[in-house]
Amino acid sequence: MIADLDRIVHILDCDIATEEDRARVSDHSDAAYPMLARTLAARRKNLKVTIAALQRRLAEIDPAQPGEIATAA
């Protein structure tokens, strides 16, 4: 799941760059900055927060207790 979310973040990075190139505006504070790029950037930020939370939870799982991993999934 984390790998899939990382892949989506990468795709969003590419989409944001494409939109900035298309609009010829890369300054986030510029009023002409594309709304699509703003929306994609917000989604990317939320996904990064989710990835970080999942990685923290994964690190907390005790590998000596495989039964918990099966029930958590």
C-alpha atoms as a PDB file:
ATOM      1  CA  MET A   1       0.000   0.000   0.000  1.00  0.00           C
ATOM      2  CA  ILE A   2       2.807   2.389   0.886  1.00  0.00           C
ATOM      3  CA  ALA A   3       4.521   1.666  -2.420  1.00  0.00           C
ATOM      4  CA  ASP A   4       1.289   2.384  -4.305  1.00  0.00           C
ATOM      5  CA  LEU A   5       0.859   5.679  -2.478  1.00  0.00           C
ATOM      6  CA  ASP A   6       4.485   6.587  -3.245  1.00  0.00           C
ATOM      7  CA  ARG A   7       3.806   5.873  -6.908  1.00  0.00           C
ATOM      8  CA  ILE A   8       0.750   8.150  -6.835  1.00  0.00           C
ATOM      9  CA  VAL A   9       2.823  10.918  -5.212  1.00  0.00           C
ATOM     10  CA  HIS A  10       5.348  10.582  -8.025  1.00  0.00           C
ATOM     11  CA  ILE A  11       2.570  10.816 -10.616  1.00  0.00           C
ATOM     12  CA  LEU A  12       1.198  13.903  -8.883  1.00  0.00           C
ATOM     13  CA  ASP A  13       4.682  15.464  -8.935  1.00  0.00           C
ATOM     14  CA  CYS A  14       4.782  14.966 -12.700  1.00  0.00           C
ATOM     15  CA  ASP A  15       1.250  16.309 -13.162  1.00  0.00           C
ATOM     16  CA  ILE A  16       2.030  19.412 -11.099  1.00  0.00           C
ATOM     17  CA  ALA A  17       5.198  20.076 -13.089  1.00  0.00           C
ATOM     18  CA  THR A  18       3.291  19.632 -16.350  1.00  0.00           C
ATOM     19  CA  GLU A  19       0.590  22.069 -15.255  1.00  0.00           C
ATOM     20  CA  GLU A  20       3.192  24.623 -14.131  1.00  0.00           C
ATOM     21  CA  ASP A  21       4.950  24.309 -17.490  1.00  0.00           C
ATOM     22  CA  ARG A  22       1.682  24.685 -19.341  1.00  0.00           C
ATOM     23  CA  ALA A  23       0.741  27.825 -17.398  1.00  0.00           C
ATOM     24  CA  ARG A  24       4.357  29.071 -17.316  1.00  0.00           C
ATOM     25  CA  VAL A  25       3.889  29.874 -13.621  1.00  0.00           C
ATOM     26  CA  SER A  26       5.725  28.002 -10.880  1.00  0.00           C
ATOM     27  CA  ASP A  27       5.422  30.512  -8.026  1.00  0.00           C
ATOM     28  CA  HIS A  28       2.784  29.217  -5.609  1.00  0.00           C
ATOM     29  CA  SER A  29       2.075  32.728  -4.329  1.00  0.00           C
ATOM     30  CA  ASP A  30       1.373  34.081  -7.836  1.00  0.00           C
ATOM     31  CA  ALA A  31      -2.328  34.700  -8.462  1.00  0.00           C
ATOM     32  CA  ALA A  32      -1.902  33.128 -11.910  1.00  0.00           C
ATOM     33  CA  TYR A  33      -0.686  29.843 -10.412  1.00  0.00           C
ATOM     34  CA  PRO A  34      -2.963  27.130 -11.826  1.00  0.00           C
ATOM     35  CA  MET A  35      -5.823  25.964  -9.617  1.00  0.00           C
ATOM     36  CA  LEU A  36      -5.285  22.390 -10.809  1.00  0.00           C
ATOM     37  CA  ALA A  37      -1.671  22.505  -9.598  1.00  0.00           C
ATOM     38  CA  ARG A  38      -2.832  23.847  -6.207  1.00  0.00           C
ATOM     39  CA  THR A  39      -5.375  21.040  -5.900  1.00  0.00           C
ATOM     40  CA  LEU A  40      -2.865  18.381  -6.912  1.00  0.00           C
ATOM     41  CA  ALA A  41      -0.307  19.789  -4.455  1.00  0.00           C
ATOM     42  CA  ALA A  42      -2.846  19.575  -1.617  1.00  0.00           C
ATOM     43  CA  ARG A  43      -3.624  15.971  -2.539  1.00  0.00           C
ATOM     44  CA  ARG A  44       0.103  15.171  -2.698  1.00  0.00           C
ATOM     45  CA  LYS A  45       0.613  16.685   0.759  1.00  0.00           C
ATOM     46  CA  ASN A  46      -2.243  14.611   2.204  1.00  0.00           C
ATOM     47  CA  LEU A  47      -0.811  11.445   0.669  1.00  0.00           C
ATOM     48  CA  LYS A  48       2.623  12.194   2.138  1.00  0.00           C
ATOM     49  CA  VAL A  49       1.047  12.609   5.584  1.00  0.00           C
ATOM     50  CA  THR A  50      -0.767   9.296   5.118  1.00  0.00           C
ATOM     51  CA  ILE A  51       2.444   7.558   4.026  1.00  0.00           C
ATOM     52  CA  ALA A  52       4.275   8.883   7.082  1.00  0.00           C
ATOM     53  CA  ALA A  53       1.489   7.668   9.389  1.00  0.00           C
ATOM     54  CA  LEU A  54       1.498   4.219   7.790  1.00  0.00           C
ATOM     55  CA  GLN A  55       5.273   3.978   8.094  1.00  0.00           C
ATOM     56  CA  ARG A  56       5.070   4.896  11.790  1.00  0.00           C
ATOM     57  CA  ARG A  57       2.402   2.254  12.375  1.00  0.00           C
ATOM     58  CA  LEU A  58       4.423  -0.322  10.479  1.00  0.00           C
ATOM     59  CA  ALA A  59       7.489   0.452  12.606  1.00  0.00           C
ATOM     60  CA  GLU A  60       5.431  -0.057  15.781  1.00  0.00           C
ATOM     61  CA  ILE A  61       4.351  -3.571  14.845  1.00  0.00           C
ATOM     62  CA  ASP A  62       6.255  -6.134  16.882  1.00  0.00           C
ATOM     63  CA  PRO A  63       7.638  -8.705  14.411  1.00  0.00           C
ATOM     64  CA  ALA A  64       7.649 -11.332  17.175  1.00  0.00           C
ATOM     65  CA  GLN A  65       3.837 -11.380  17.148  1.00  0.00           C
ATOM     66  CA  PRO A  66       2.753 -12.428  13.626  1.00  0.00           C
ATOM     67  CA  GLY A  67      -0.855 -12.995  14.754  1.00  0.00           C
ATOM     68  CA  GLU A  68      -1.354  -9.272  15.257  1.00  0.00           C
ATOM     69  CA  ILE A  69      -0.157  -8.519  11.735  1.00  0.00           C
ATOM     70  CA  ALA A  70      -2.715 -10.910  10.238  1.00  0.00           C
ATOM     71  CA  THR A  71      -5.587  -9.407  12.260  1.00  0.00           C
ATOM     72  CA  ALA A  72      -4.487  -5.836  11.502  1.00  0.00           C
ATOM     73  CA  ALA A  73      -4.689  -6.491   7.769  1.00  0.00           C
END
